[in-house]
Amino acid sequence: MDNHQSGPLETGASMDYAEHENTYLRFLSMTKWGTMSLVILMIAMAAGFFAGAGFLGGLIIFIVLNVAGVFLLR
């Protein structure tokens, strides 16, 4: 059986490339901010549990690093 295409390859609906680009950019942004938040959470938990900073010390570290991360990633 021969499988030759004689017509156009795109036979479905036209693609909305601008919307695809926006979706990809939103995905990258959520990945960037989510990764930053999780890394900061791990640092704050390690400082609170293992370094003897306690709950309030870990919370302060979490807040300070989040503010610094937002400032640096913009």
Protein backbone atom coordinates (compact mmCIF):
# COMPACT_ATOMS: atom_id res chain seq x y z
CA MET A 1 0.00 0.00 0.00
CA ASP A 2 1.33 3.33 -1.01
CA ASN A 3 0.73 6.23 1.37
CA HIS A 4 1.29 9.39 -0.69
CA GLN A 5 -0.15 12.72 0.37
CA SER A 6 -1.52 14.63 -2.57
CA GLY A 7 -3.23 17.48 -0.68
CA PRO A 8 -2.17 19.93 1.99
CA LEU A 9 -0.79 18.41 5.17
CA GLU A 10 -2.86 20.65 7.44
CA THR A 11 -6.47 19.75 6.82
CA GLY A 12 -7.95 20.59 10.23
CA ALA A 13 -8.74 23.93 11.78
CA SER A 14 -6.15 26.64 11.58
CA MET A 15 -3.87 26.92 14.60
CA ASP A 16 -3.92 29.94 16.88
CA TYR A 17 -0.18 30.38 17.26
CA ALA A 18 -0.48 33.51 19.39
CA GLU A 19 -2.50 31.57 21.97
CA HIS A 20 0.04 28.72 21.90
CA GLU A 21 2.81 31.23 22.55
CA ASN A 22 0.90 32.78 25.47
CA THR A 23 0.21 29.36 26.97
CA TYR A 24 3.88 28.41 26.73
CA LEU A 25 4.99 31.68 28.32
CA ARG A 26 2.49 31.19 31.17
CA PHE A 27 3.78 27.65 31.68
CA LEU A 28 7.38 28.90 31.86
CA SER A 29 6.39 31.63 34.30
CA MET A 30 4.52 29.22 36.59
CA THR A 31 7.46 26.81 36.47
CA LYS A 32 9.93 29.58 37.36
CA TRP A 33 7.88 30.92 40.29
CA GLY A 34 6.92 27.46 41.54
CA THR A 35 10.53 26.28 41.52
CA MET A 36 11.62 29.41 43.36
CA SER A 37 8.93 28.94 46.02
CA LEU A 38 9.77 25.29 46.58
CA VAL A 39 13.52 25.93 46.85
CA ILE A 40 12.91 28.76 49.33
CA LEU A 41 10.55 26.54 51.32
CA MET A 42 13.21 23.81 51.55
CA ILE A 43 15.86 26.33 52.65
CA ALA A 44 13.55 27.77 55.32
CA MET A 45 12.59 24.29 56.57
CA ALA A 46 16.23 23.25 56.75
CA ALA A 47 17.09 26.40 58.69
CA GLY A 48 14.15 25.94 61.02
CA PHE A 49 14.54 22.23 61.70
CA PHE A 50 18.26 21.52 61.43
CA ALA A 51 20.04 24.83 62.05
CA GLY A 52 18.15 25.64 65.22
CA ALA A 53 16.36 28.71 63.91
CA GLY A 54 12.97 27.38 65.04
CA PHE A 55 9.60 28.10 63.50
CA LEU A 56 9.80 31.89 63.64
CA GLY A 57 13.35 31.93 62.28
CA GLY A 58 12.35 29.69 59.42
CA LEU A 59 9.30 31.85 58.74
CA ILE A 60 11.42 35.01 58.68
CA ILE A 61 13.91 33.36 56.31
CA PHE A 62 11.02 32.21 54.09
CA ILE A 63 9.55 35.71 53.88
CA VAL A 64 12.89 37.46 53.30
CA LEU A 65 13.96 35.02 50.58
CA ASN A 66 10.57 35.27 48.85
CA VAL A 67 10.83 39.06 48.74
CA ALA A 68 14.39 38.80 47.41
CA GLY A 69 13.33 36.18 44.85
CA VAL A 70 10.47 38.30 43.55
CA PHE A 71 12.81 41.26 43.26
CA LEU A 72 15.49 39.23 41.44
CA LEU A 73 13.23 37.27 39.08
CA ARG A 74 11.28 40.21 37.71
